[in-house]
Amino acid sequence: MSTFEHITIAGVKELQQQEPVTIVDIRDPRSFQESHIQHAQRLDNDNIQAFLAAQDPQQAVVVCCYHGNSSQGAAQFLAAQGLTKVYSLDGGFERWRLACPELCEQG
């Protein structure tokens, strides 16, 4: 059975040094608009199928939510769809925002 792994902020940065990483944010549209991890894309029920069709199943995907709880279910779902390198960001966007405000963007 396909599954995901937990990853820390330091782990994400290290992974980004090694290979391309797609960061997906599953928070609500307003929260995403206010601030999100640089280059993250918002993922929801409306665009999940298009994302899966376009995503390289071998490329690393990091799932981000508010605090690292909801991202676990979303990461498990993505892994079950055939993505092979899926991670749930421990602490979610709130921890990222506090630790790396320079790596956040708006809009």
PDB file of N, CA and C in Angstrom:
ATOM      1  N   MET A   1       0.840  -1.193   0.000  1.00  0.00           N
ATOM      2  CA  MET A   1       0.000   0.000   0.000  1.00  0.00           C
ATOM      3  C   MET A   1       0.879   1.249   0.000  1.00  0.00           C
ATOM      4  N   SER A   2       0.540   2.182  -0.835  1.00  0.00           N
ATOM      5  CA  SER A   2       1.297   3.430  -0.923  1.00  0.00           C
ATOM      6  C   SER A   2       1.007   4.297   0.285  1.00  0.00           C
ATOM      7  N   THR A   3       2.027   4.992   0.750  1.00  0.00           N
ATOM      8  CA  THR A   3       1.844   5.862   1.895  1.00  0.00           C
ATOM      9  C   THR A   3       2.722   7.094   1.746  1.00  0.00           C
ATOM     10  N   PHE A   4       2.635   7.978   2.714  1.00  0.00           N
ATOM     11  CA  PHE A   4       3.400   9.214   2.705  1.00  0.00           C
ATOM     12  C   PHE A   4       4.376   9.199   3.871  1.00  0.00           C
ATOM     13  N   GLU A   5       5.262  10.206   3.872  1.00  0.00           N
ATOM     14  CA  GLU A   5       6.196  10.386   4.977  1.00  0.00           C
ATOM     15  C   GLU A   5       5.988  11.775   5.571  1.00  0.00           C
ATOM     16  N   HIS A   6       6.336  11.916   6.831  1.00  0.00           N
ATOM     17  CA  HIS A   6       6.348  13.233   7.470  1.00  0.00           C
ATOM     18  C   HIS A   6       7.670  13.913   7.113  1.00  0.00           C
ATOM     19  N   ILE A   7       7.632  15.242   7.008  1.00  0.00           N
ATOM     20  CA  ILE A   7       8.853  15.972   6.698  1.00  0.00           C
ATOM     21  C   ILE A   7       8.868  17.289   7.481  1.00  0.00           C
ATOM     22  N   THR A   8      10.033  17.653   7.957  1.00  0.00           N
ATOM     23  CA  THR A   8      10.210  18.910   8.689  1.00  0.00           C
ATOM     24  C   THR A   8      10.541  20.029   7.699  1.00  0.00           C
ATOM     25  N   ILE A   9      10.552  21.243   8.197  1.00  0.00           N
ATOM     26  CA  ILE A   9      10.945  22.379   7.360  1.00  0.00           C
ATOM     27  C   ILE A   9      12.370  22.173   6.848  1.00  0.00           C
ATOM     28  N   ALA A  10      13.266  21.779   7.738  1.00  0.00           N
ATOM     29  CA  ALA A  10      14.658  21.523   7.325  1.00  0.00           C
ATOM     30  C   ALA A  10      14.703  20.414   6.278  1.00  0.00           C
ATOM     31  N   GLY A  11      13.851  19.422   6.431  1.00  0.00           N
ATOM     32  CA  GLY A  11      13.794  18.333   5.455  1.00  0.00           C
ATOM     33  C   GLY A  11      13.340  18.812   4.097  1.00  0.00           C
ATOM     34  N   VAL A  12      12.371  19.726   4.065  1.00  0.00           N
ATOM     35  CA  VAL A  12      11.902  20.287   2.790  1.00  0.00           C
ATOM     36  C   VAL A  12      13.034  21.042   2.113  1.00  0.00           C
ATOM     37  N   LYS A  13      13.722  21.877   2.874  1.00  0.00           N
ATOM     38  CA  LYS A  13      14.826  22.654   2.297  1.00  0.00           C
ATOM     39  C   LYS A  13      15.917  21.741   1.750  1.00  0.00           C
ATOM     40  N   GLU A  14      16.217  20.687   2.476  1.00  0.00           N
ATOM     41  CA  GLU A  14      17.231  19.725   2.016  1.00  0.00           C
ATOM     42  C   GLU A  14      16.763  19.018   0.750  1.00  0.00           C
ATOM     43  N   LEU A  15      15.512  18.600   0.737  1.00  0.00           N
ATOM     44  CA  LEU A  15      14.958  17.931  -0.436  1.00  0.00           C
ATOM     45  C   LEU A  15      14.997  18.847  -1.652  1.00  0.00           C
ATOM     46  N   GLN A  16      14.682  20.135  -1.448  1.00  0.00           N
ATOM     47  CA  GLN A  16      14.707  21.098  -2.555  1.00  0.00           C
ATOM     48  C   GLN A  16      16.111  21.278  -3.128  1.00  0.00           C
ATOM     49  N   GLN A  17      17.129  21.041  -2.325  1.00  0.00           N
ATOM     50  CA  GLN A  17      18.517  21.121  -2.808  1.00  0.00           C
ATOM     51  C   GLN A  17      18.856  19.927  -3.704  1.00  0.00           C
ATOM     52  N   GLN A  18      18.136  18.826  -3.532  1.00  0.00           N
ATOM     53  CA  GLN A  18      18.454  17.582  -4.223  1.00  0.00           C
ATOM     54  C   GLN A  18      17.647  17.349  -5.491  1.00  0.00           C
ATOM     55  N   GLU A  19      16.409  17.856  -5.505  1.00  0.00           N
ATOM     56  CA  GLU A  19      15.515  17.544  -6.628  1.00  0.00           C
ATOM     57  C   GLU A  19      14.367  18.547  -6.680  1.00  0.00           C
ATOM     58  N   PRO A  20      13.648  18.584  -7.812  1.00  0.00           N
ATOM     59  CA  PRO A  20      12.470  19.446  -7.894  1.00  0.00           C
ATOM     60  C   PRO A  20      11.402  18.966  -6.908  1.00  0.00           C
ATOM     61  N   VAL A  21      10.753  19.911  -6.252  1.00  0.00           N
ATOM     62  CA  VAL A  21       9.720  19.599  -5.274  1.00  0.00           C
ATOM     63  C   VAL A  21       8.483  20.435  -5.590  1.00  0.00           C
ATOM     64  N   THR A  22       7.327  19.796  -5.621  1.00  0.00           N
ATOM     65  CA  THR A  22       6.060  20.492  -5.767  1.00  0.00           C
ATOM     66  C   THR A  22       5.469  20.653  -4.370  1.00  0.00           C
ATOM     67  N   ILE A  23       5.142  21.881  -4.005  1.00  0.00           N
ATOM     68  CA  ILE A  23       4.489  22.132  -2.720  1.00  0.00           C
ATOM     69  C   ILE A  23       3.036  22.470  -2.998  1.00  0.00           C
ATOM     70  N   VAL A  24       2.133  21.714  -2.384  1.00  0.00           N
ATOM     71  CA  VAL A  24       0.705  21.974  -2.532  1.00  0.00           C
ATOM     72  C   VAL A  24       0.142  22.385  -1.178  1.00  0.00           C
ATOM     73  N   ASP A  25      -0.752  23.344  -1.213  1.00  0.00           N
ATOM     74  CA  ASP A  25      -1.347  23.934  -0.018  1.00  0.00           C
ATOM     75  C   ASP A  25      -2.839  23.644  -0.063  1.00  0.00           C
ATOM     76  N   ILE A  26      -3.351  22.982   0.958  1.00  0.00           N
ATOM     77  CA  ILE A  26      -4.763  22.602   0.951  1.00  0.00           C
ATOM     78  C   ILE A  26      -5.627  23.506   1.830  1.00  0.00           C
ATOM     79  N   ARG A  27      -5.060  24.623   2.279  1.00  0.00           N
ATOM     80  CA  ARG A  27      -5.843  25.559   3.078  1.00  0.00           C
ATOM     81  C   ARG A  27      -6.893  26.266   2.208  1.00  0.00           C
ATOM     82  N   ASP A  28      -7.805  26.970   2.853  1.00  0.00           N
ATOM     83  CA  ASP A  28      -8.878  27.657   2.127  1.00  0.00           C
ATOM     84  C   ASP A  28      -8.305  28.777   1.240  1.00  0.00           C
ATOM     85  N   PRO A  29      -9.060  29.191   0.222  1.00  0.00           N
ATOM     86  CA  PRO A  29      -8.560  30.200  -0.729  1.00  0.00           C
ATOM     87  C   PRO A  29      -8.119  31.504  -0.073  1.00  0.00           C
ATOM     88  N   ARG A  30      -8.865  31.976   0.903  1.00  0.00           N
ATOM     89  CA  ARG A  30      -8.522  33.256   1.536  1.00  0.00           C
ATOM     90  C   ARG A  30      -7.190  33.173   2.267  1.00  0.00           C
ATOM     91  N   SER A  31      -6.991  32.104   3.033  1.00  0.00           N
ATOM     92  CA  SER A  31      -5.729  31.930   3.757  1.00  0.00           C
ATOM     93  C   SER A  31      -4.559  31.822   2.787  1.00  0.00           C
ATOM     94  N   PHE A  32      -4.759  31.074   1.710  1.00  0.00           N
ATOM     95  CA  PHE A  32      -3.706  30.929   0.698  1.00  0.00           C
ATOM     96  C   PHE A  32      -3.379  32.284   0.089  1.00  0.00           C
ATOM     97  N   GLN A  33      -4.404  33.074  -0.218  1.00  0.00           N
ATOM     98  CA  GLN A  33      -4.209  34.394  -0.823  1.00  0.00           C
ATOM     99  C   GLN A  33      -3.423  35.321   0.107  1.00  0.00           C
ATOM    100  N   GLU A  34      -3.709  35.232   1.404  1.00  0.00           N
ATOM    101  CA  GLU A  34      -3.032  36.088   2.380  1.00  0.00           C
ATOM    102  C   GLU A  34      -1.544  35.783   2.450  1.00  0.00           C
ATOM    103  N   SER A  35      -1.190  34.506   2.438  1.00  0.00           N
ATOM    104  CA  SER A  35       0.224  34.122   2.473  1.00  0.00           C
ATOM    105  C   SER A  35       0.346  32.614   2.286  1.00  0.00           C
ATOM    106  N   HIS A  36       1.409  32.219   1.608  1.00  0.00           N
ATOM    107  CA  HIS A  36       1.692  30.797   1.397  1.00  0.00           C
ATOM    108  C   HIS A  36       3.186  30.621   1.130  1.00  0.00           C
ATOM    109  N   ILE A  37       3.623  29.391   1.169  1.00  0.00           N
ATOM    110  CA  ILE A  37       5.023  29.069   0.877  1.00  0.00           C
ATOM    111  C   ILE A  37       5.313  29.465  -0.570  1.00  0.00           C
ATOM    112  N   GLN A  38       6.475  30.065  -0.795  1.00  0.00           N
ATOM    113  CA  GLN A  38       6.854  30.472  -2.155  1.00  0.00           C
ATOM    114  C   GLN A  38       6.658  29.321  -3.134  1.00  0.00           C
ATOM    115  N   HIS A  39       6.041  29.640  -4.255  1.00  0.00           N
ATOM    116  CA  HIS A  39       5.837  28.721  -5.380  1.00  0.00           C
ATOM    117  C   HIS A  39       4.862  27.588  -5.076  1.00  0.00           C
ATOM    118  N   ALA A  40       4.181  27.649  -3.936  1.00  0.00           N
ATOM    119  CA  ALA A  40       3.172  26.622  -3.638  1.00  0.00           C
ATOM    120  C   ALA A  40       1.962  26.829  -4.537  1.00  0.00           C
ATOM    121  N   GLN A  41       1.277  25.741  -4.796  1.00  0.00           N
ATOM    122  CA  GLN A  41       0.020  25.841  -5.523  1.00  0.00           C
ATOM    123  C   GLN A  41      -1.104  25.326  -4.639  1.00  0.00           C
ATOM    124  N   ARG A  42      -2.242  26.006  -4.719  1.00  0.00           N
ATOM    125  CA  ARG A  42      -3.374  25.589  -3.904  1.00  0.00           C
ATOM    126  C   ARG A  42      -4.048  24.392  -4.545  1.00  0.00           C
ATOM    127  N   LEU A  43      -4.391  23.431  -3.719  1.00  0.00           N
ATOM    128  CA  LEU A  43      -5.007  22.198  -4.199  1.00  0.00           C
ATOM    129  C   LEU A  43      -6.318  21.996  -3.451  1.00  0.00           C
ATOM    130  N   ASP A  44      -7.382  21.717  -4.214  1.00  0.00           N
ATOM    131  CA  ASP A  44      -8.677  21.441  -3.605  1.00  0.00           C
ATOM    132  C   ASP A  44      -9.428  20.437  -4.473  1.00  0.00           C
ATOM    133  N   ASN A  45     -10.661  20.159  -4.092  1.00  0.00           N
ATOM    134  CA  ASN A  45     -11.447  19.167  -4.828  1.00  0.00           C
ATOM    135  C   ASN A  45     -11.701  19.575  -6.272  1.00  0.00           C
ATOM    136  N   ASP A  46     -11.679  20.874  -6.552  1.00  0.00           N
ATOM    137  CA  ASP A  46     -11.958  21.349  -7.902  1.00  0.00           C
ATOM    138  C   ASP A  46     -10.797  21.142  -8.871  1.00  0.00           C
ATOM    139  N   ASN A  47      -9.565  21.095  -8.353  1.00  0.00           N
ATOM    140  CA  ASN A  47      -8.425  20.969  -9.276  1.00  0.00           C
ATOM    141  C   ASN A  47      -7.568  19.718  -9.038  1.00  0.00           C
ATOM    142  N   ILE A  48      -7.996  18.856  -8.143  1.00  0.00           N
ATOM    143  CA  ILE A  48      -7.182  17.680  -7.808  1.00  0.00           C
ATOM    144  C   ILE A  48      -6.982  16.759  -9.012  1.00  0.00           C
ATOM    145  N   GLN A  49      -8.009  16.554  -9.814  1.00  0.00           N
ATOM    146  CA  GLN A  49      -7.867  15.649 -10.958  1.00  0.00           C
ATOM    147  C   GLN A  49      -6.903  16.217 -12.001  1.00  0.00           C
ATOM    148  N   ALA A  50      -6.982  17.522 -12.249  1.00  0.00           N
ATOM    149  CA  ALA A  50      -6.051  18.146 -13.186  1.00  0.00           C
ATOM    150  C   ALA A  50      -4.628  18.076 -12.634  1.00  0.00           C
ATOM    151  N   PHE A  51      -4.476  18.270 -11.340  1.00  0.00           N
ATOM    152  CA  PHE A  51      -3.154  18.172 -10.716  1.00  0.00           C
ATOM    153  C   PHE A  51      -2.583  16.769 -10.903  1.00  0.00           C
ATOM    154  N   LEU A  52      -3.386  15.760 -10.618  1.00  0.00           N
ATOM    155  CA  LEU A  52      -2.916  14.372 -10.745  1.00  0.00           C
ATOM    156  C   LEU A  52      -2.554  14.034 -12.188  1.00  0.00           C
ATOM    157  N   ALA A  53      -3.316  14.551 -13.132  1.00  0.00           N
ATOM    158  CA  ALA A  53      -3.045  14.280 -14.546  1.00  0.00           C
ATOM    159  C   ALA A  53      -1.737  14.927 -14.999  1.00  0.00           C
ATOM    160  N   ALA A  54      -1.417  16.092 -14.425  1.00  0.00           N
ATOM    161  CA  ALA A  54      -0.237  16.839 -14.860  1.00  0.00           C
ATOM    162  C   ALA A  54       1.015  16.503 -14.055  1.00  0.00           C
ATOM    163  N   GLN A  55       0.859  16.002 -12.852  1.00  0.00           N
ATOM    164  CA  GLN A  55       1.992  15.792 -11.951  1.00  0.00           C
ATOM    165  C   GLN A  55       2.803  14.557 -12.338  1.00  0.00           C
ATOM    166  N   ASP A  56       4.108  14.706 -12.397  1.00  0.00           N
ATOM    167  CA  ASP A  56       5.005  13.565 -12.588  1.00  0.00           C
ATOM    168  C   ASP A  56       4.918  12.702 -11.333  1.00  0.00           C
ATOM    169  N   PRO A  57       4.518  11.441 -11.445  1.00  0.00           N
ATOM    170  CA  PRO A  57       4.345  10.611 -10.246  1.00  0.00           C
ATOM    171  C   PRO A  57       5.646  10.336  -9.491  1.00  0.00           C
ATOM    172  N   GLN A  58       6.787  10.587 -10.122  1.00  0.00           N
ATOM    173  CA  GLN A  58       8.082  10.371  -9.481  1.00  0.00           C
ATOM    174  C   GLN A  58       8.616  11.611  -8.774  1.00  0.00           C
ATOM    175  N   GLN A  59       7.985  12.764  -9.011  1.00  0.00           N
ATOM    176  CA  GLN A  59       8.460  14.013  -8.408  1.00  0.00           C
ATOM    177  C   GLN A  59       7.923  14.144  -6.987  1.00  0.00           C
ATOM    178  N   ALA A  60       8.765  14.656  -6.108  1.00  0.00           N
ATOM    179  CA  ALA A  60       8.386  14.844  -4.713  1.00  0.00           C
ATOM    180  C   ALA A  60       7.269  15.879  -4.590  1.00  0.00           C
ATOM    181  N   VAL A  61       6.296  15.575  -3.731  1.00  0.00           N
ATOM    182  CA  VAL A  61       5.182  16.470  -3.440  1.00  0.00           C
ATOM    183  C   VAL A  61       5.105  16.642  -1.931  1.00  0.00           C
ATOM    184  N   VAL A  62       5.115  17.897  -1.475  1.00  0.00           N
ATOM    185  CA  VAL A  62       4.958  18.210  -0.056  1.00  0.00           C
ATOM    186  C   VAL A  62       3.589  18.843   0.119  1.00  0.00           C
ATOM    187  N   VAL A  63       2.782  18.258   1.001  1.00  0.00           N
ATOM    188  CA  VAL A  63       1.435  18.760   1.269  1.00  0.00           C
ATOM    189  C   VAL A  63       1.464  19.605   2.534  1.00  0.00           C
ATOM    190  N   CYS A  64       0.891  20.797   2.434  1.00  0.00           N
ATOM    191  CA  CYS A  64       0.873  21.765   3.526  1.00  0.00           C
ATOM    192  C   CYS A  64      -0.569  22.114   3.864  1.00  0.00           C
ATOM    193  N   CYS A  65      -0.866  22.190   5.155  1.00  0.00           N
ATOM    194  CA  CYS A  65      -2.157  22.684   5.637  1.00  0.00           C
ATOM    195  C   CYS A  65      -1.873  23.731   6.702  1.00  0.00           C
ATOM    196  N   TYR A  66      -2.799  23.950   7.614  1.00  0.00           N
ATOM    197  CA  TYR A  66      -2.582  24.957   8.670  1.00  0.00           C
ATOM    198  C   TYR A  66      -1.523  24.517   9.675  1.00  0.00           C
ATOM    199  N   HIS A  67      -1.732  23.339  10.287  1.00  0.00           N
ATOM    200  CA  HIS A  67      -0.873  22.906  11.388  1.00  0.00           C
ATOM    201  C   HIS A  67      -0.258  21.523  11.198  1.00  0.00           C
ATOM    202  N   GLY A  68      -0.453  20.911  10.049  1.00  0.00           N
ATOM    203  CA  GLY A  68       0.145  19.603   9.794  1.00  0.00           C
ATOM    204  C   GLY A  68      -0.754  18.426  10.094  1.00  0.00           C
ATOM    205  N   ASN A  69      -2.038  18.677  10.320  1.00  0.00           N
ATOM    206  CA  ASN A  69      -2.966  17.579  10.599  1.00  0.00           C
ATOM    207  C   ASN A  69      -3.724  17.145   9.349  1.00  0.00           C
ATOM    208  N   SER A  70      -4.440  18.064   8.716  1.00  0.00           N
ATOM    209  CA  SER A  70      -5.222  17.739   7.517  1.00  0.00           C
ATOM    210  C   SER A  70      -4.343  17.291   6.363  1.00  0.00           C
ATOM    211  N   SER A  71      -3.122  17.788   6.335  1.00  0.00           N
ATOM    212  CA  SER A  71      -2.213  17.421   5.241  1.00  0.00           C
ATOM    213  C   SER A  71      -1.909  15.930   5.236  1.00  0.00           C
ATOM    214  N   GLN A  72      -2.015  15.287   6.374  1.00  0.00           N
ATOM    215  CA  GLN A  72      -1.725  13.853   6.432  1.00  0.00           C
ATOM    216  C   GLN A  72      -2.729  13.047   5.607  1.00  0.00           C
ATOM    217  N   GLY A  73      -4.003  13.371   5.746  1.00  0.00           N
ATOM    218  CA  GLY A  73      -5.023  12.679   4.950  1.00  0.00           C
ATOM    219  C   GLY A  73      -4.882  12.972   3.469  1.00  0.00           C
ATOM    220  N   ALA A  74      -4.597  14.229   3.151  1.00  0.00           N
ATOM    221  CA  ALA A  74      -4.410  14.607   1.744  1.00  0.00           C
ATOM    222  C   ALA A  74      -3.182  13.913   1.158  1.00  0.00           C
ATOM    223  N   ALA A  75      -2.112  13.840   1.942  1.00  0.00           N
ATOM    224  CA  ALA A  75      -0.895  13.163   1.479  1.00  0.00           C
ATOM    225  C   ALA A  75      -1.158  11.686   1.248  1.00  0.00           C
ATOM    226  N   GLN A  76      -1.908  11.069   2.150  1.00  0.00           N
ATOM    227  CA  GLN A  76      -2.246   9.654   1.978  1.00  0.00           C
ATOM    228  C   GLN A  76      -3.061   9.454   0.708  1.00  0.00           C
ATOM    229  N   PHE A  77      -3.997  10.361   0.444  1.00  0.00           N
ATOM    230  CA  PHE A  77      -4.801  10.279  -0.770  1.00  0.00           C
ATOM    231  C   PHE A  77      -3.917  10.364  -2.014  1.00  0.00           C
ATOM    232  N   LEU A  78      -3.007  11.329  -2.032  1.00  0.00           N
ATOM    233  CA  LEU A  78      -2.123  11.493  -3.198  1.00  0.00           C
ATOM    234  C   LEU A  78      -1.246  10.258  -3.392  1.00  0.00           C
ATOM    235  N   ALA A  79      -0.749   9.709  -2.304  1.00  0.00           N
ATOM    236  CA  ALA A  79       0.072   8.494  -2.410  1.00  0.00           C
ATOM    237  C   ALA A  79      -0.763   7.338  -2.965  1.00  0.00           C
ATOM    238  N   ALA A  80      -2.001   7.246  -2.541  1.00  0.00           N
ATOM    239  CA  ALA A  80      -2.880   6.181  -3.028  1.00  0.00           C
ATOM    240  C   ALA A  80      -3.215   6.346  -4.509  1.00  0.00           C
ATOM    241  N   GLN A  81      -3.054   7.560  -5.040  1.00  0.00           N
ATOM    242  CA  GLN A  81      -3.304   7.812  -6.461  1.00  0.00           C
ATOM    243  C   GLN A  81      -2.091   7.490  -7.329  1.00  0.00           C
ATOM    244  N   GLY A  82      -1.000   7.038  -6.707  1.00  0.00           N
ATOM    245  CA  GLY A  82       0.159   6.617  -7.482  1.00  0.00           C
ATOM    246  C   GLY A  82       1.365   7.524  -7.403  1.00  0.00           C
ATOM    247  N   LEU A  83       1.268   8.644  -6.674  1.00  0.00           N
ATOM    248  CA  LEU A  83       2.453   9.479  -6.490  1.00  0.00           C
ATOM    249  C   LEU A  83       3.385   8.753  -5.530  1.00  0.00           C
ATOM    250  N   THR A  84       4.657   8.715  -5.861  1.00  0.00           N
ATOM    251  CA  THR A  84       5.576   7.850  -5.111  1.00  0.00           C
ATOM    252  C   THR A  84       6.376   8.545  -4.021  1.00  0.00           C
ATOM    253  N   LYS A  85       6.476   9.875  -4.069  1.00  0.00           N
ATOM    254  CA  LYS A  85       7.249  10.621  -3.067  1.00  0.00           C
ATOM    255  C   LYS A  85       6.367  11.715  -2.491  1.00  0.00           C
ATOM    256  N   VAL A  86       5.544  11.356  -1.520  1.00  0.00           N
ATOM    257  CA  VAL A  86       4.590  12.294  -0.946  1.00  0.00           C
ATOM    258  C   VAL A  86       4.935  12.517   0.520  1.00  0.00           C
ATOM    259  N   TYR A  87       4.921  13.792   0.914  1.00  0.00           N
ATOM    260  CA  TYR A  87       5.290  14.180   2.275  1.00  0.00           C
ATOM    261  C   TYR A  87       4.219  15.090   2.856  1.00  0.00           C
ATOM    262  N   SER A  88       4.022  14.993   4.160  1.00  0.00           N
ATOM    263  CA  SER A  88       3.165  15.906   4.908  1.00  0.00           C
ATOM    264  C   SER A  88       4.072  16.800   5.744  1.00  0.00           C
ATOM    265  N   LEU A  89       3.902  18.110   5.602  1.00  0.00           N
ATOM    266  CA  LEU A  89       4.749  19.074   6.294  1.00  0.00           C
ATOM    267  C   LEU A  89       4.380  19.151   7.776  1.00  0.00           C
ATOM    268  N   ASP A  90       5.276  18.711   8.627  1.00  0.00           N
ATOM    269  CA  ASP A  90       5.059  18.773  10.071  1.00  0.00           C
ATOM    270  C   ASP A  90       4.918  20.224  10.511  1.00  0.00           C
ATOM    271  N   GLY A  91       3.884  20.517  11.277  1.00  0.00           N
ATOM    272  CA  GLY A  91       3.656  21.876  11.761  1.00  0.00           C
ATOM    273  C   GLY A  91       2.915  22.754  10.779  1.00  0.00           C
ATOM    274  N   GLY A  92       2.791  22.322   9.544  1.00  0.00           N
ATOM    275  CA  GLY A  92       2.036  23.042   8.532  1.00  0.00           C
ATOM    276  C   GLY A  92       2.557  24.434   8.221  1.00  0.00           C
ATOM    277  N   PHE A  93       1.684  25.219   7.586  1.00  0.00           N
ATOM    278  CA  PHE A  93       2.087  26.554   7.170  1.00  0.00           C
ATOM    279  C   PHE A  93       2.395  27.454   8.363  1.00  0.00           C
ATOM    280  N   GLU A  94       1.678  27.285   9.450  1.00  0.00           N
ATOM    281  CA  GLU A  94       1.911  28.159  10.606  1.00  0.00           C
ATOM    282  C   GLU A  94       3.340  28.030  11.119  1.00  0.00           C
ATOM    283  N   ARG A  95       3.848  26.819  11.185  1.00  0.00           N
ATOM    284  CA  ARG A  95       5.242  26.648  11.622  1.00  0.00           C
ATOM    285  C   ARG A  95       6.195  27.217  10.578  1.00  0.00           C
ATOM    286  N   TRP A  96       5.902  26.981   9.298  1.00  0.00           N
ATOM    287  CA  TRP A  96       6.737  27.504   8.212  1.00  0.00           C
ATOM    288  C   TRP A  96       6.776  29.034   8.271  1.00  0.00           C
ATOM    289  N   ARG A  97       5.603  29.659   8.448  1.00  0.00           N
ATOM    290  CA  ARG A  97       5.499  31.123   8.473  1.00  0.00           C
ATOM    291  C   ARG A  97       6.341  31.716   9.599  1.00  0.00           C
ATOM    292  N   LEU A  98       6.341  31.058  10.744  1.00  0.00           N
ATOM    293  CA  LEU A  98       7.125  31.556  11.873  1.00  0.00           C
ATOM    294  C   LEU A  98       8.625  31.320  11.677  1.00  0.00           C
ATOM    295  N   ALA A  99       8.978  30.199  11.093  1.00  0.00           N
ATOM    296  CA  ALA A  99      10.384  29.841  10.936  1.00  0.00           C
ATOM    297  C   ALA A  99      11.027  30.481   9.712  1.00  0.00           C
ATOM    298  N   CYS A 100      10.252  30.675   8.654  1.00  0.00           N
ATOM    299  CA  CYS A 100      10.816  31.132   7.367  1.00  0.00           C
ATOM    300  C   CYS A 100       9.938  32.203   6.726  1.00  0.00           C
ATOM    301  N   PRO A 101       9.714  33.312   7.384  1.00  0.00           N
ATOM    302  CA  PRO A 101       8.838  34.333   6.774  1.00  0.00           C
ATOM    303  C   PRO A 101       9.378  34.839   5.442  1.00  0.00           C
ATOM    304  N   GLU A 102      10.682  34.774   5.259  1.00  0.00           N
ATOM    305  CA  GLU A 102      11.270  35.237   3.993  1.00  0.00           C
ATOM    306  C   GLU A 102      10.946  34.293   2.834  1.00  0.00           C
ATOM    307  N   LEU A 103      10.447  33.101   3.128  1.00  0.00           N
ATOM    308  CA  LEU A 103      10.108  32.121   2.093  1.00  0.00           C
ATOM    309  C   LEU A 103       8.600  32.001   1.913  1.00  0.00           C
ATOM    310  N   CYS A 104       7.885  33.085   2.262  1.00  0.00           N
ATOM    311  CA  CYS A 104       6.445  33.146   2.077  1.00  0.00           C
ATOM    312  C   CYS A 104       6.135  34.240   1.068  1.00  0.00           C
ATOM    313  N   GLU A 105       5.009  34.089   0.387  1.00  0.00           N
ATOM    314  CA  GLU A 105       4.578  35.118  -0.559  1.00  0.00           C
ATOM    315  C   GLU A 105       3.072  35.275  -0.470  1.00  0.00           C
ATOM    316  N   GLN A 106       2.583  36.386  -0.988  1.00  0.00           N
ATOM    317  CA  GLN A 106       1.158  36.676  -0.978  1.00  0.00           C
ATOM    318  C   GLN A 106       0.624  36.623  -2.389  1.00  0.00           C
ATOM    319  N   GLY A 107      -0.706  36.491  -2.470  1.00  0.00           N
ATOM    320  CA  GLY A 107      -1.342  36.554  -3.781  1.00  0.00           C
ATOM    321  C   GLY A 107      -1.600  35.249  -4.439  1.00  0.00           C
TER     322      GLY A 107
END
